[in-house]
Amino acid sequence: MELLIKYWYLVLAIIAVLILTVFVIIKAAKSVRLSRIEKENFIKKLEHEKDLRQSFKVISNESFNIPEKYRLLEGLAMNVQMQVENQTDTAAAFLALPAEKQHIYALCVLFDDCRENPLSFFFKANGFPLTPATLEAAERIIGGRFFELFKYEYSAFDKENAEVSLITEEILKTDGEFSALIKMNIDSILDSIVHYINQNKSVFITTNQEG
């Protein structure tokens, strides 16, 4: 006990080292778990993409007869991606597609990006020709407050638009409202998209067969 009192500073140092060691071990364990989860999620994503590619490689009337609205959107978007991904100039190939195909692909990218991220992430991650196609799709297919919020950030992130400034506080506010709007109205939004798809079935079927 005398030694402990005499060398109290060494005891404190040892305790500090032990606490730090435990902290490092816990952090490392969490990192390993996180890496495993990330790996599993990545594998699931690849398997999901493989399934979509197989299921929507060819679009027929039967392709539209599925109950999952979001899967239909994803499937048609994957079909569009398969048409342009091997082209030398993917932007030109995308612009050569019918507007309806551009709209569906653009909206799918938007929802995928905004699943875990704010709307501003979409504009930071994408550019021409995807963002203008999404703006047009938001107006024609969904409209309302959805379009208004999207249009505001589209203008704010447009470097050539001097009328709307990129104000951080306003972007954060818009991000929050847009995320909440999607969460609360996802069913009605998807209904509007499916209605648009059904109105333009022939575009997806005939152009696929021609290609």
N, C-alpha and C. Protein backbone atom coordinates (compact mmCIF):
# COMPACT_ATOMS: atom_id res chain seq x y z
N MET A 1 0.84 -1.21 0.00
CA MET A 1 0.00 0.00 0.00
C MET A 1 0.87 1.25 0.00
N GLU A 2 2.01 1.16 0.78
CA GLU A 2 2.93 2.30 0.84
C GLU A 2 3.47 2.64 -0.54
N LEU A 3 3.80 1.59 -1.28
CA LEU A 3 4.34 1.80 -2.63
C LEU A 3 3.30 2.46 -3.53
N LEU A 4 2.05 2.05 -3.37
CA LEU A 4 0.98 2.62 -4.18
C LEU A 4 0.82 4.11 -3.90
N ILE A 5 0.94 4.45 -2.61
CA ILE A 5 0.82 5.85 -2.22
C ILE A 5 2.03 6.64 -2.72
N LYS A 6 3.20 6.02 -2.58
CA LYS A 6 4.43 6.71 -2.97
C LYS A 6 4.49 6.95 -4.47
N TYR A 7 4.06 5.94 -5.19
CA TYR A 7 4.14 6.06 -6.66
C TYR A 7 2.73 6.18 -7.26
N TRP A 8 1.93 7.05 -6.69
CA TRP A 8 0.54 7.22 -7.13
C TRP A 8 0.42 7.63 -8.59
N TYR A 9 1.42 8.40 -9.03
CA TYR A 9 1.38 8.87 -10.42
C TYR A 9 1.58 7.72 -11.40
N LEU A 10 2.34 6.72 -10.99
CA LEU A 10 2.53 5.55 -11.86
C LEU A 10 1.25 4.73 -11.95
N VAL A 11 0.54 4.64 -10.82
CA VAL A 11 -0.73 3.92 -10.79
C VAL A 11 -1.73 4.59 -11.72
N LEU A 12 -1.78 5.92 -11.65
CA LEU A 12 -2.69 6.66 -12.52
C LEU A 12 -2.33 6.45 -13.99
N ALA A 13 -1.04 6.42 -14.25
CA ALA A 13 -0.58 6.23 -15.64
C ALA A 13 -0.99 4.85 -16.15
N ILE A 14 -0.83 3.84 -15.28
CA ILE A 14 -1.21 2.47 -15.67
C ILE A 14 -2.71 2.38 -15.93
N ILE A 15 -3.50 3.02 -15.04
CA ILE A 15 -4.95 3.01 -15.21
C ILE A 15 -5.34 3.69 -16.52
N ALA A 16 -4.67 4.82 -16.81
CA ALA A 16 -4.95 5.55 -18.05
C ALA A 16 -4.65 4.70 -19.27
N VAL A 17 -3.53 3.96 -19.21
CA VAL A 17 -3.15 3.09 -20.33
C VAL A 17 -4.18 1.97 -20.51
N LEU A 18 -4.63 1.39 -19.38
CA LEU A 18 -5.63 0.32 -19.45
C LEU A 18 -6.93 0.82 -20.06
N ILE A 19 -7.37 2.03 -19.63
CA ILE A 19 -8.60 2.62 -20.18
C ILE A 19 -8.47 2.86 -21.67
N LEU A 20 -7.30 3.40 -22.06
CA LEU A 20 -7.06 3.67 -23.48
C LEU A 20 -7.04 2.38 -24.29
N THR A 21 -6.45 1.33 -23.72
CA THR A 21 -6.39 0.03 -24.41
C THR A 21 -7.78 -0.54 -24.63
N VAL A 22 -8.60 -0.46 -23.58
CA VAL A 22 -9.98 -0.96 -23.69
C VAL A 22 -10.73 -0.16 -24.74
N PHE A 23 -10.54 1.16 -24.74
CA PHE A 23 -11.21 2.03 -25.71
C PHE A 23 -10.82 1.66 -27.14
N VAL A 24 -9.52 1.41 -27.35
CA VAL A 24 -9.03 1.05 -28.68
C VAL A 24 -9.60 -0.29 -29.12
N ILE A 25 -9.66 -1.24 -28.18
CA ILE A 25 -10.21 -2.56 -28.51
C ILE A 25 -11.68 -2.46 -28.89
N ILE A 26 -12.44 -1.69 -28.11
CA ILE A 26 -13.87 -1.51 -28.40
C ILE A 26 -14.07 -0.84 -29.76
N LYS A 27 -13.26 0.20 -30.01
CA LYS A 27 -13.37 0.92 -31.28
C LYS A 27 -13.01 0.01 -32.45
N ALA A 28 -11.98 -0.81 -32.28
CA ALA A 28 -11.56 -1.73 -33.34
C ALA A 28 -12.65 -2.76 -33.61
N ALA A 29 -13.27 -3.24 -32.52
CA ALA A 29 -14.35 -4.22 -32.67
C ALA A 29 -15.53 -3.62 -33.43
N LYS A 30 -15.87 -2.37 -33.10
CA LYS A 30 -16.96 -1.70 -33.81
C LYS A 30 -16.61 -1.50 -35.27
N SER A 31 -15.35 -1.19 -35.54
CA SER A 31 -14.90 -0.98 -36.92
C SER A 31 -15.02 -2.25 -37.73
N VAL A 32 -14.66 -3.37 -37.11
CA VAL A 32 -14.76 -4.67 -37.79
C VAL A 32 -16.21 -4.98 -38.09
N ARG A 33 -17.10 -4.72 -37.09
CA ARG A 33 -18.53 -4.97 -37.30
C ARG A 33 -19.07 -4.09 -38.41
N LEU A 34 -18.66 -2.82 -38.41
CA LEU A 34 -19.11 -1.89 -39.44
C LEU A 34 -18.65 -2.34 -40.81
N SER A 35 -17.40 -2.79 -40.90
CA SER A 35 -16.87 -3.25 -42.18
C SER A 35 -17.65 -4.46 -42.67
N ARG A 36 -18.00 -5.35 -41.75
CA ARG A 36 -18.77 -6.54 -42.13
C ARG A 36 -20.15 -6.14 -42.63
N ILE A 37 -20.78 -5.19 -41.94
CA ILE A 37 -22.10 -4.72 -42.34
C ILE A 37 -22.03 -4.04 -43.71
N GLU A 38 -21.00 -3.22 -43.91
CA GLU A 38 -20.82 -2.54 -45.20
C GLU A 38 -20.61 -3.56 -46.31
N LYS A 39 -19.84 -4.60 -46.02
CA LYS A 39 -19.59 -5.64 -47.01
C LYS A 39 -20.88 -6.37 -47.36
N GLU A 40 -21.66 -6.70 -46.33
CA GLU A 40 -22.93 -7.39 -46.56
C GLU A 40 -23.90 -6.53 -47.36
N ASN A 41 -23.95 -5.24 -47.04
CA ASN A 41 -24.83 -4.32 -47.78
C ASN A 41 -24.39 -4.20 -49.23
N PHE A 42 -23.08 -4.17 -49.46
CA PHE A 42 -22.55 -4.07 -50.82
C PHE A 42 -22.91 -5.30 -51.63
N ILE A 43 -22.78 -6.48 -51.00
CA ILE A 43 -23.13 -7.74 -51.67
C ILE A 43 -24.62 -7.77 -52.01
N LYS A 44 -25.45 -7.33 -51.06
CA LYS A 44 -26.89 -7.28 -51.29
C LYS A 44 -27.23 -6.35 -52.46
N LYS A 45 -26.51 -5.23 -52.52
CA LYS A 45 -26.74 -4.26 -53.60
C LYS A 45 -26.38 -4.88 -54.95
N LEU A 46 -25.26 -5.61 -55.00
CA LEU A 46 -24.85 -6.26 -56.25
C LEU A 46 -25.85 -7.32 -56.67
N GLU A 47 -26.34 -8.10 -55.70
CA GLU A 47 -27.32 -9.14 -56.00
C GLU A 47 -28.63 -8.53 -56.50
N HIS A 48 -29.01 -7.41 -55.89
CA HIS A 48 -30.24 -6.71 -56.30
C HIS A 48 -30.10 -6.20 -57.73
N GLU A 49 -28.93 -5.64 -58.03
CA GLU A 49 -28.69 -5.12 -59.39
C GLU A 49 -28.69 -6.26 -60.40
N LYS A 50 -28.10 -7.39 -60.04
CA LYS A 50 -28.08 -8.55 -60.94
C LYS A 50 -29.50 -9.03 -61.22
N ASP A 51 -30.33 -9.05 -60.19
CA ASP A 51 -31.73 -9.47 -60.33
C ASP A 51 -32.48 -8.53 -61.28
N LEU A 52 -32.27 -7.22 -61.10
CA LEU A 52 -32.94 -6.25 -61.97
C LEU A 52 -32.49 -6.40 -63.42
N ARG A 53 -31.22 -6.61 -63.62
CA ARG A 53 -30.69 -6.77 -64.98
C ARG A 53 -31.31 -7.98 -65.67
N GLN A 54 -31.46 -9.06 -64.94
CA GLN A 54 -32.04 -10.28 -65.52
C GLN A 54 -33.54 -10.13 -65.77
N SER A 55 -34.21 -9.51 -64.81
CA SER A 55 -35.67 -9.40 -64.89
C SER A 55 -36.15 -8.37 -65.91
N PHE A 56 -35.34 -7.33 -66.13
CA PHE A 56 -35.78 -6.25 -67.01
C PHE A 56 -34.87 -6.06 -68.22
N LYS A 57 -34.17 -7.13 -68.57
CA LYS A 57 -33.31 -7.06 -69.75
C LYS A 57 -34.15 -6.82 -71.00
N VAL A 58 -35.29 -7.48 -71.06
CA VAL A 58 -36.26 -7.30 -72.16
C VAL A 58 -37.56 -6.82 -71.54
N ILE A 59 -38.11 -5.74 -72.10
CA ILE A 59 -39.36 -5.17 -71.59
C ILE A 59 -40.52 -5.63 -72.46
N SER A 60 -41.49 -6.28 -71.80
CA SER A 60 -42.72 -6.70 -72.49
C SER A 60 -43.90 -6.22 -71.66
N ASN A 61 -45.08 -6.51 -72.12
CA ASN A 61 -46.28 -6.11 -71.37
C ASN A 61 -46.29 -6.71 -69.97
N GLU A 62 -45.74 -7.93 -69.85
CA GLU A 62 -45.71 -8.59 -68.55
C GLU A 62 -44.81 -7.86 -67.56
N SER A 63 -43.86 -7.11 -68.07
CA SER A 63 -42.92 -6.41 -67.19
C SER A 63 -43.62 -5.39 -66.31
N PHE A 64 -44.75 -4.91 -66.75
CA PHE A 64 -45.47 -3.87 -66.00
C PHE A 64 -46.43 -4.45 -64.97
N ASN A 65 -46.65 -5.76 -65.02
CA ASN A 65 -47.62 -6.40 -64.12
C ASN A 65 -46.97 -6.87 -62.83
N ILE A 66 -46.39 -5.94 -62.08
CA ILE A 66 -45.80 -6.28 -60.79
C ILE A 66 -46.39 -5.35 -59.73
N PRO A 67 -46.63 -5.87 -58.54
CA PRO A 67 -47.27 -5.07 -57.49
C PRO A 67 -46.35 -4.02 -56.86
N GLU A 68 -45.04 -4.26 -56.88
CA GLU A 68 -44.10 -3.34 -56.23
C GLU A 68 -43.83 -2.14 -57.14
N LYS A 69 -44.34 -0.99 -56.78
CA LYS A 69 -44.22 0.20 -57.61
C LYS A 69 -42.76 0.65 -57.76
N TYR A 70 -42.02 0.60 -56.68
CA TYR A 70 -40.64 1.05 -56.76
C TYR A 70 -39.78 0.09 -57.58
N ARG A 71 -40.10 -1.19 -57.53
CA ARG A 71 -39.35 -2.16 -58.33
C ARG A 71 -39.57 -1.90 -59.82
N LEU A 72 -40.76 -1.51 -60.19
CA LEU A 72 -41.02 -1.18 -61.59
C LEU A 72 -40.17 0.01 -62.02
N LEU A 73 -40.10 1.02 -61.17
CA LEU A 73 -39.27 2.19 -61.47
C LEU A 73 -37.81 1.78 -61.60
N GLU A 74 -37.32 0.99 -60.64
CA GLU A 74 -35.93 0.53 -60.67
C GLU A 74 -35.64 -0.32 -61.91
N GLY A 75 -36.58 -1.20 -62.23
CA GLY A 75 -36.38 -2.10 -63.35
C GLY A 75 -36.29 -1.38 -64.68
N LEU A 76 -37.19 -0.44 -64.91
CA LEU A 76 -37.16 0.32 -66.16
C LEU A 76 -35.91 1.20 -66.22
N ALA A 77 -35.51 1.73 -65.07
CA ALA A 77 -34.29 2.54 -65.03
C ALA A 77 -33.07 1.69 -65.33
N MET A 78 -33.05 0.46 -64.83
CA MET A 78 -31.94 -0.45 -65.12
C MET A 78 -31.89 -0.79 -66.60
N ASN A 79 -33.07 -0.94 -67.21
CA ASN A 79 -33.12 -1.21 -68.64
C ASN A 79 -32.50 -0.05 -69.43
N VAL A 80 -32.79 1.17 -68.99
CA VAL A 80 -32.19 2.36 -69.62
C VAL A 80 -30.68 2.36 -69.42
N GLN A 81 -30.25 2.04 -68.21
CA GLN A 81 -28.82 2.03 -67.93
C GLN A 81 -28.09 1.03 -68.81
N MET A 82 -28.69 -0.14 -69.02
CA MET A 82 -28.07 -1.16 -69.86
C MET A 82 -27.96 -0.70 -71.31
N GLN A 83 -28.84 0.19 -71.72
CA GLN A 83 -28.81 0.70 -73.09
C GLN A 83 -27.67 1.68 -73.33
N VAL A 84 -27.29 2.41 -72.27
CA VAL A 84 -26.31 3.49 -72.46
C VAL A 84 -24.94 3.22 -71.85
N GLU A 85 -24.85 2.27 -70.90
CA GLU A 85 -23.62 2.14 -70.12
C GLU A 85 -22.40 1.71 -70.94
N ASN A 86 -22.60 1.01 -72.05
CA ASN A 86 -21.46 0.56 -72.86
C ASN A 86 -21.17 1.47 -74.04
N GLN A 87 -21.88 2.57 -74.13
CA GLN A 87 -21.65 3.51 -75.22
C GLN A 87 -20.41 4.35 -74.94
N THR A 88 -19.73 4.75 -75.98
CA THR A 88 -18.52 5.56 -75.83
C THR A 88 -18.85 6.89 -75.18
N ASP A 89 -19.92 7.52 -75.63
CA ASP A 89 -20.38 8.79 -75.05
C ASP A 89 -21.73 8.54 -74.39
N THR A 90 -21.70 8.25 -73.09
CA THR A 90 -22.93 7.90 -72.38
C THR A 90 -23.90 9.08 -72.30
N ALA A 91 -23.37 10.29 -72.21
CA ALA A 91 -24.23 11.48 -72.15
C ALA A 91 -25.01 11.63 -73.44
N ALA A 92 -24.32 11.47 -74.55
CA ALA A 92 -24.98 11.59 -75.86
C ALA A 92 -26.00 10.47 -76.05
N ALA A 93 -25.65 9.27 -75.60
CA ALA A 93 -26.55 8.13 -75.71
C ALA A 93 -27.81 8.36 -74.87
N PHE A 94 -27.63 8.95 -73.70
CA PHE A 94 -28.76 9.25 -72.83
C PHE A 94 -29.67 10.30 -73.46
N LEU A 95 -29.08 11.33 -74.02
CA LEU A 95 -29.86 12.41 -74.65
C LEU A 95 -30.58 11.93 -75.90
N ALA A 96 -30.10 10.85 -76.50
CA ALA A 96 -30.73 10.31 -77.70
C ALA A 96 -31.97 9.47 -77.38
N LEU A 97 -32.13 9.13 -76.12
CA LEU A 97 -33.29 8.34 -75.70
C LEU A 97 -34.56 9.19 -75.69
N PRO A 98 -35.73 8.54 -75.78
CA PRO A 98 -36.99 9.27 -75.65
C PRO A 98 -37.05 9.95 -74.28
N ALA A 99 -37.73 11.08 -74.20
CA ALA A 99 -37.83 11.84 -72.95
C ALA A 99 -38.38 10.99 -71.81
N GLU A 100 -39.33 10.11 -72.14
CA GLU A 100 -39.95 9.27 -71.10
C GLU A 100 -38.91 8.38 -70.41
N LYS A 101 -38.00 7.85 -71.19
CA LYS A 101 -36.96 7.00 -70.60
C LYS A 101 -35.99 7.83 -69.76
N GLN A 102 -35.68 9.00 -70.25
CA GLN A 102 -34.81 9.90 -69.49
C GLN A 102 -35.45 10.24 -68.14
N HIS A 103 -36.73 10.52 -68.16
CA HIS A 103 -37.46 10.91 -66.95
C HIS A 103 -37.44 9.80 -65.90
N ILE A 104 -37.73 8.59 -66.33
CA ILE A 104 -37.80 7.47 -65.38
C ILE A 104 -36.42 7.16 -64.80
N TYR A 105 -35.41 7.17 -65.64
CA TYR A 105 -34.06 6.91 -65.15
C TYR A 105 -33.62 7.99 -64.16
N ALA A 106 -33.90 9.24 -64.52
CA ALA A 106 -33.49 10.37 -63.68
C ALA A 106 -34.17 10.32 -62.31
N LEU A 107 -35.46 10.01 -62.29
CA LEU A 107 -36.17 9.94 -61.01
C LEU A 107 -35.66 8.79 -60.15
N CYS A 108 -35.30 7.70 -60.78
CA CYS A 108 -34.77 6.56 -60.03
C CYS A 108 -33.45 6.93 -59.36
N VAL A 109 -32.58 7.61 -60.09
CA VAL A 109 -31.31 8.07 -59.52
C VAL A 109 -31.57 9.03 -58.36
N LEU A 110 -32.53 9.93 -58.54
CA LEU A 110 -32.87 10.90 -57.50
C LEU A 110 -33.30 10.19 -56.21
N PHE A 111 -34.23 9.24 -56.32
CA PHE A 111 -34.72 8.55 -55.14
C PHE A 111 -33.64 7.68 -54.51
N ASP A 112 -32.80 7.09 -55.33
CA ASP A 112 -31.72 6.27 -54.80
C ASP A 112 -30.72 7.13 -54.02
N ASP A 113 -30.39 8.29 -54.58
CA ASP A 113 -29.46 9.20 -53.91
C ASP A 113 -30.04 9.77 -52.63
N CYS A 114 -31.35 10.02 -52.64
CA CYS A 114 -31.99 10.66 -51.48
C CYS A 114 -32.53 9.67 -50.46
N ARG A 115 -32.25 8.41 -50.66
CA ARG A 115 -32.70 7.40 -49.70
C ARG A 115 -32.05 7.62 -48.34
N GLU A 116 -30.77 7.91 -48.34
CA GLU A 116 -30.05 8.15 -47.08
C GLU A 116 -29.34 9.49 -47.07
N ASN A 117 -29.54 10.27 -48.11
CA ASN A 117 -28.86 11.56 -48.22
C ASN A 117 -29.85 12.67 -48.54
N PRO A 118 -29.47 13.93 -48.28
CA PRO A 118 -30.36 15.06 -48.60
C PRO A 118 -30.37 15.35 -50.09
N LEU A 119 -31.30 16.17 -50.51
CA LEU A 119 -31.43 16.55 -51.92
C LEU A 119 -30.15 17.17 -52.45
N SER A 120 -29.47 17.96 -51.64
CA SER A 120 -28.25 18.63 -52.09
C SER A 120 -27.18 17.62 -52.51
N PHE A 121 -27.20 16.43 -51.92
CA PHE A 121 -26.25 15.38 -52.31
C PHE A 121 -26.43 15.02 -53.77
N PHE A 122 -27.68 14.97 -54.21
CA PHE A 122 -27.98 14.63 -55.61
C PHE A 122 -27.31 15.61 -56.55
N PHE A 123 -27.37 16.90 -56.24
CA PHE A 123 -26.80 17.91 -57.12
C PHE A 123 -25.27 17.93 -57.06
N LYS A 124 -24.72 17.53 -55.91
CA LYS A 124 -23.27 17.46 -55.79
C LYS A 124 -22.71 16.24 -56.52
N ALA A 125 -23.52 15.18 -56.60
CA ALA A 125 -23.07 13.93 -57.20
C ALA A 125 -23.37 13.83 -58.69
N ASN A 126 -24.28 14.65 -59.20
CA ASN A 126 -24.71 14.54 -60.59
C ASN A 126 -24.70 15.90 -61.29
N GLY A 127 -24.72 15.84 -62.61
CA GLY A 127 -24.74 17.06 -63.41
C GLY A 127 -25.47 16.83 -64.72
N PHE A 128 -25.14 17.61 -65.72
CA PHE A 128 -25.74 17.47 -67.04
C PHE A 128 -25.32 16.13 -67.65
N PRO A 129 -26.25 15.42 -68.31
CA PRO A 129 -27.64 15.79 -68.64
C PRO A 129 -28.67 15.26 -67.64
N LEU A 130 -28.21 14.67 -66.54
CA LEU A 130 -29.14 14.03 -65.62
C LEU A 130 -29.99 15.04 -64.85
N THR A 131 -29.38 16.10 -64.33
CA THR A 131 -30.15 17.05 -63.52
C THR A 131 -31.25 17.78 -64.30
N PRO A 132 -31.00 18.23 -65.54
CA PRO A 132 -32.11 18.85 -66.29
C PRO A 132 -33.24 17.86 -66.57
N ALA A 133 -32.88 16.60 -66.84
CA ALA A 133 -33.90 15.57 -67.10
C ALA A 133 -34.74 15.33 -65.85
N THR A 134 -34.10 15.40 -64.68
CA THR A 134 -34.82 15.21 -63.42
C THR A 134 -35.75 16.38 -63.14
N LEU A 135 -35.28 17.58 -63.45
CA LEU A 135 -36.12 18.77 -63.27
C LEU A 135 -37.38 18.66 -64.12
N GLU A 136 -37.22 18.25 -65.35
CA GLU A 136 -38.35 18.11 -66.26
C GLU A 136 -39.29 17.01 -65.78
N ALA A 137 -38.72 15.92 -65.28
CA ALA A 137 -39.53 14.81 -64.76
C ALA A 137 -40.30 15.24 -63.52
N ALA A 138 -39.63 15.98 -62.64
CA ALA A 138 -40.28 16.44 -61.41
C ALA A 138 -41.48 17.33 -61.73
N GLU A 139 -41.36 18.15 -62.76
CA GLU A 139 -42.46 19.05 -63.14
C GLU A 139 -43.59 18.30 -63.82
N ARG A 140 -43.24 17.46 -64.80
CA ARG A 140 -44.27 16.79 -65.60
C ARG A 140 -44.98 15.66 -64.87
N ILE A 141 -44.24 14.93 -64.04
CA ILE A 141 -44.79 13.72 -63.45
C ILE A 141 -45.32 13.93 -62.03
N ILE A 142 -44.61 14.71 -61.23
CA ILE A 142 -44.97 14.85 -59.81
C ILE A 142 -45.55 16.23 -59.50
N GLY A 143 -44.83 17.26 -59.84
CA GLY A 143 -45.33 18.62 -59.65
C GLY A 143 -45.43 19.04 -58.19
N GLY A 144 -46.26 20.05 -57.93
CA GLY A 144 -46.52 20.52 -56.57
C GLY A 144 -45.28 20.98 -55.83
N ARG A 145 -45.32 20.79 -54.52
CA ARG A 145 -44.21 21.22 -53.66
C ARG A 145 -42.93 20.45 -53.96
N PHE A 146 -43.08 19.20 -54.38
CA PHE A 146 -41.93 18.39 -54.77
C PHE A 146 -41.13 19.10 -55.85
N PHE A 147 -41.82 19.55 -56.88
CA PHE A 147 -41.16 20.25 -57.98
C PHE A 147 -40.60 21.58 -57.53
N GLU A 148 -41.32 22.31 -56.71
CA GLU A 148 -40.87 23.62 -56.24
C GLU A 148 -39.55 23.52 -55.47
N LEU A 149 -39.47 22.57 -54.57
CA LEU A 149 -38.25 22.38 -53.78
C LEU A 149 -37.09 21.94 -54.65
N PHE A 150 -37.38 21.02 -55.56
CA PHE A 150 -36.33 20.55 -56.45
C PHE A 150 -35.83 21.68 -57.34
N LYS A 151 -36.76 22.45 -57.86
CA LYS A 151 -36.39 23.56 -58.75
C LYS A 151 -35.53 24.60 -58.03
N TYR A 152 -35.85 24.85 -56.76
CA TYR A 152 -35.06 25.83 -55.99
C TYR A 152 -33.60 25.39 -55.88
N GLU A 153 -33.38 24.13 -55.51
CA GLU A 153 -32.00 23.67 -55.37
C GLU A 153 -31.33 23.52 -56.73
N TYR A 154 -32.10 23.16 -57.73
CA TYR A 154 -31.54 23.08 -59.09
C TYR A 154 -30.98 24.44 -59.50
N SER A 155 -31.75 25.49 -59.24
CA SER A 155 -31.31 26.85 -59.57
C SER A 155 -30.14 27.29 -58.70
N ALA A 156 -30.19 26.90 -57.41
CA ALA A 156 -29.13 27.31 -56.48
C ALA A 156 -27.79 26.68 -56.84
N PHE A 157 -27.81 25.43 -57.31
CA PHE A 157 -26.58 24.74 -57.66
C PHE A 157 -26.15 25.00 -59.11
N ASP A 158 -26.97 25.73 -59.85
CA ASP A 158 -26.62 26.08 -61.23
C ASP A 158 -25.65 27.27 -61.20
N LYS A 159 -24.41 27.02 -61.57
CA LYS A 159 -23.38 28.05 -61.50
C LYS A 159 -23.64 29.21 -62.46
N GLU A 160 -24.44 28.95 -63.48
CA GLU A 160 -24.71 30.00 -64.46
C GLU A 160 -25.95 30.81 -64.11
N ASN A 161 -26.63 30.43 -63.05
CA ASN A 161 -27.84 31.14 -62.63
C ASN A 161 -27.48 32.13 -61.53
N ALA A 162 -27.53 33.39 -61.85
CA ALA A 162 -27.16 34.44 -60.89
C ALA A 162 -28.35 34.91 -60.07
N GLU A 163 -29.56 34.44 -60.41
CA GLU A 163 -30.76 34.90 -59.73
C GLU A 163 -30.99 34.23 -58.37
N VAL A 164 -30.49 32.99 -58.24
CA VAL A 164 -30.66 32.24 -56.99
C VAL A 164 -29.29 31.96 -56.39
N SER A 165 -29.06 32.41 -55.16
CA SER A 165 -27.78 32.23 -54.50
C SER A 165 -27.74 30.91 -53.73
N LEU A 166 -26.54 30.37 -53.60
CA LEU A 166 -26.34 29.13 -52.86
C LEU A 166 -26.13 29.48 -51.38
N ILE A 167 -27.24 29.65 -50.67
CA ILE A 167 -27.20 30.02 -49.25
C ILE A 167 -27.34 28.74 -48.42
N THR A 168 -26.31 28.46 -47.61
CA THR A 168 -26.25 27.21 -46.85
C THR A 168 -27.49 26.98 -46.00
N GLU A 169 -27.93 28.00 -45.28
CA GLU A 169 -29.09 27.85 -44.40
C GLU A 169 -30.34 27.48 -45.18
N GLU A 170 -30.52 28.11 -46.34
CA GLU A 170 -31.70 27.83 -47.16
C GLU A 170 -31.64 26.43 -47.77
N ILE A 171 -30.44 26.00 -48.13
CA ILE A 171 -30.27 24.66 -48.69
C ILE A 171 -30.60 23.61 -47.63
N LEU A 172 -30.10 23.82 -46.41
CA LEU A 172 -30.38 22.89 -45.32
C LEU A 172 -31.88 22.81 -45.04
N LYS A 173 -32.53 23.96 -45.07
CA LYS A 173 -33.98 24.02 -44.84
C LYS A 173 -34.73 23.27 -45.94
N THR A 174 -34.32 23.50 -47.18
CA THR A 174 -34.96 22.84 -48.33
C THR A 174 -34.70 21.34 -48.28
N ASP A 175 -33.47 20.96 -47.93
CA ASP A 175 -33.13 19.54 -47.79
C ASP A 175 -34.07 18.85 -46.82
N GLY A 176 -34.27 19.49 -45.67
CA GLY A 176 -35.12 18.91 -44.64
C GLY A 176 -36.55 18.76 -45.09
N GLU A 177 -37.08 19.79 -45.73
CA GLU A 177 -38.47 19.74 -46.19
C GLU A 177 -38.65 18.70 -47.29
N PHE A 178 -37.66 18.61 -48.18
CA PHE A 178 -37.75 17.66 -49.29
C PHE A 178 -37.72 16.22 -48.77
N SER A 179 -36.82 15.94 -47.82
CA SER A 179 -36.72 14.59 -47.24
C SER A 179 -38.02 14.22 -46.53
N ALA A 180 -38.58 15.16 -45.78
CA ALA A 180 -39.83 14.92 -45.07
C ALA A 180 -40.98 14.69 -46.04
N LEU A 181 -40.99 15.46 -47.12
CA LEU A 181 -42.05 15.35 -48.12
C LEU A 181 -42.04 13.97 -48.76
N ILE A 182 -40.85 13.49 -49.12
CA ILE A 182 -40.74 12.16 -49.73
C ILE A 182 -41.21 11.08 -48.76
N LYS A 183 -40.76 11.19 -47.51
CA LYS A 183 -41.12 10.20 -46.50
C LYS A 183 -42.62 10.13 -46.28
N MET A 184 -43.27 11.28 -46.25
CA MET A 184 -44.70 11.33 -45.96
C MET A 184 -45.58 11.01 -47.17
N ASN A 185 -45.04 11.24 -48.38
CA ASN A 185 -45.88 11.12 -49.58
C ASN A 185 -45.34 10.13 -50.60
N ILE A 186 -44.49 9.20 -50.16
CA ILE A 186 -43.86 8.29 -51.11
C ILE A 186 -44.87 7.49 -51.92
N ASP A 187 -45.96 7.05 -51.29
CA ASP A 187 -46.96 6.25 -52.01
C ASP A 187 -47.62 7.04 -53.14
N SER A 188 -48.03 8.26 -52.85
CA SER A 188 -48.69 9.07 -53.87
C SER A 188 -47.70 9.48 -54.97
N ILE A 189 -46.44 9.70 -54.59
CA ILE A 189 -45.41 10.04 -55.57
C ILE A 189 -45.18 8.88 -56.52
N LEU A 190 -45.08 7.68 -55.95
CA LEU A 190 -44.88 6.49 -56.79
C LEU A 190 -46.11 6.21 -57.64
N ASP A 191 -47.29 6.52 -57.13
CA ASP A 191 -48.52 6.37 -57.92
C ASP A 191 -48.46 7.24 -59.17
N SER A 192 -47.97 8.46 -59.01
CA SER A 192 -47.86 9.38 -60.14
C SER A 192 -46.85 8.86 -61.16
N ILE A 193 -45.77 8.28 -60.67
CA ILE A 193 -44.74 7.75 -61.57
C ILE A 193 -45.27 6.53 -62.33
N VAL A 194 -45.94 5.63 -61.61
CA VAL A 194 -46.49 4.43 -62.25
C VAL A 194 -47.55 4.81 -63.28
N HIS A 195 -48.36 5.81 -62.97
CA HIS A 195 -49.37 6.29 -63.92
C HIS A 195 -48.69 6.80 -65.19
N TYR A 196 -47.61 7.53 -65.03
CA TYR A 196 -46.85 8.05 -66.17
C TYR A 196 -46.26 6.89 -66.98
N ILE A 197 -45.74 5.89 -66.29
CA ILE A 197 -45.17 4.73 -66.97
C ILE A 197 -46.24 4.01 -67.78
N ASN A 198 -47.39 3.79 -67.16
CA ASN A 198 -48.48 3.08 -67.85
C ASN A 198 -49.00 3.85 -69.06
N GLN A 199 -48.96 5.16 -68.97
CA GLN A 199 -49.37 5.99 -70.11
C GLN A 199 -48.41 5.88 -71.28
N ASN A 200 -47.18 5.49 -70.97
CA ASN A 200 -46.13 5.45 -72.00
C ASN A 200 -45.50 4.07 -72.17
N LYS A 201 -46.30 3.04 -71.92
CA LYS A 201 -45.80 1.67 -72.05
C LYS A 201 -45.14 1.41 -73.40
N SER A 202 -45.77 1.88 -74.43
CA SER A 202 -45.29 1.60 -75.79
C SER A 202 -43.87 2.12 -76.01
N VAL A 203 -43.53 3.22 -75.35
CA VAL A 203 -42.18 3.80 -75.49
C VAL A 203 -41.14 2.81 -74.97
N PHE A 204 -41.41 2.27 -73.81
CA PHE A 204 -40.45 1.35 -73.20
C PHE A 204 -40.37 0.01 -73.94
N ILE A 205 -41.49 -0.45 -74.46
CA ILE A 205 -41.52 -1.73 -75.16
C ILE A 205 -40.94 -1.62 -76.56
N THR A 206 -41.47 -0.74 -77.37
CA THR A 206 -41.06 -0.67 -78.78
C THR A 206 -39.62 -0.22 -78.95
N THR A 207 -39.20 0.79 -78.20
CA THR A 207 -37.82 1.24 -78.37
C THR A 207 -36.84 0.17 -77.90
N ASN A 208 -37.24 -0.63 -76.89
CA ASN A 208 -36.38 -1.71 -76.42
C ASN A 208 -36.22 -2.77 -77.52
N GLN A 209 -37.33 -3.09 -78.20
CA GLN A 209 -37.29 -4.10 -79.24
C GLN A 209 -36.51 -3.61 -80.45
N GLU A 210 -36.62 -2.30 -80.72
CA GLU A 210 -35.91 -1.75 -81.87
C GLU A 210 -34.41 -1.76 -81.63
N GLY A 211 -34.01 -1.55 -80.32
CA GLY A 211 -32.60 -1.51 -80.00
C GLY A 211 -32.04 -2.88 -79.89
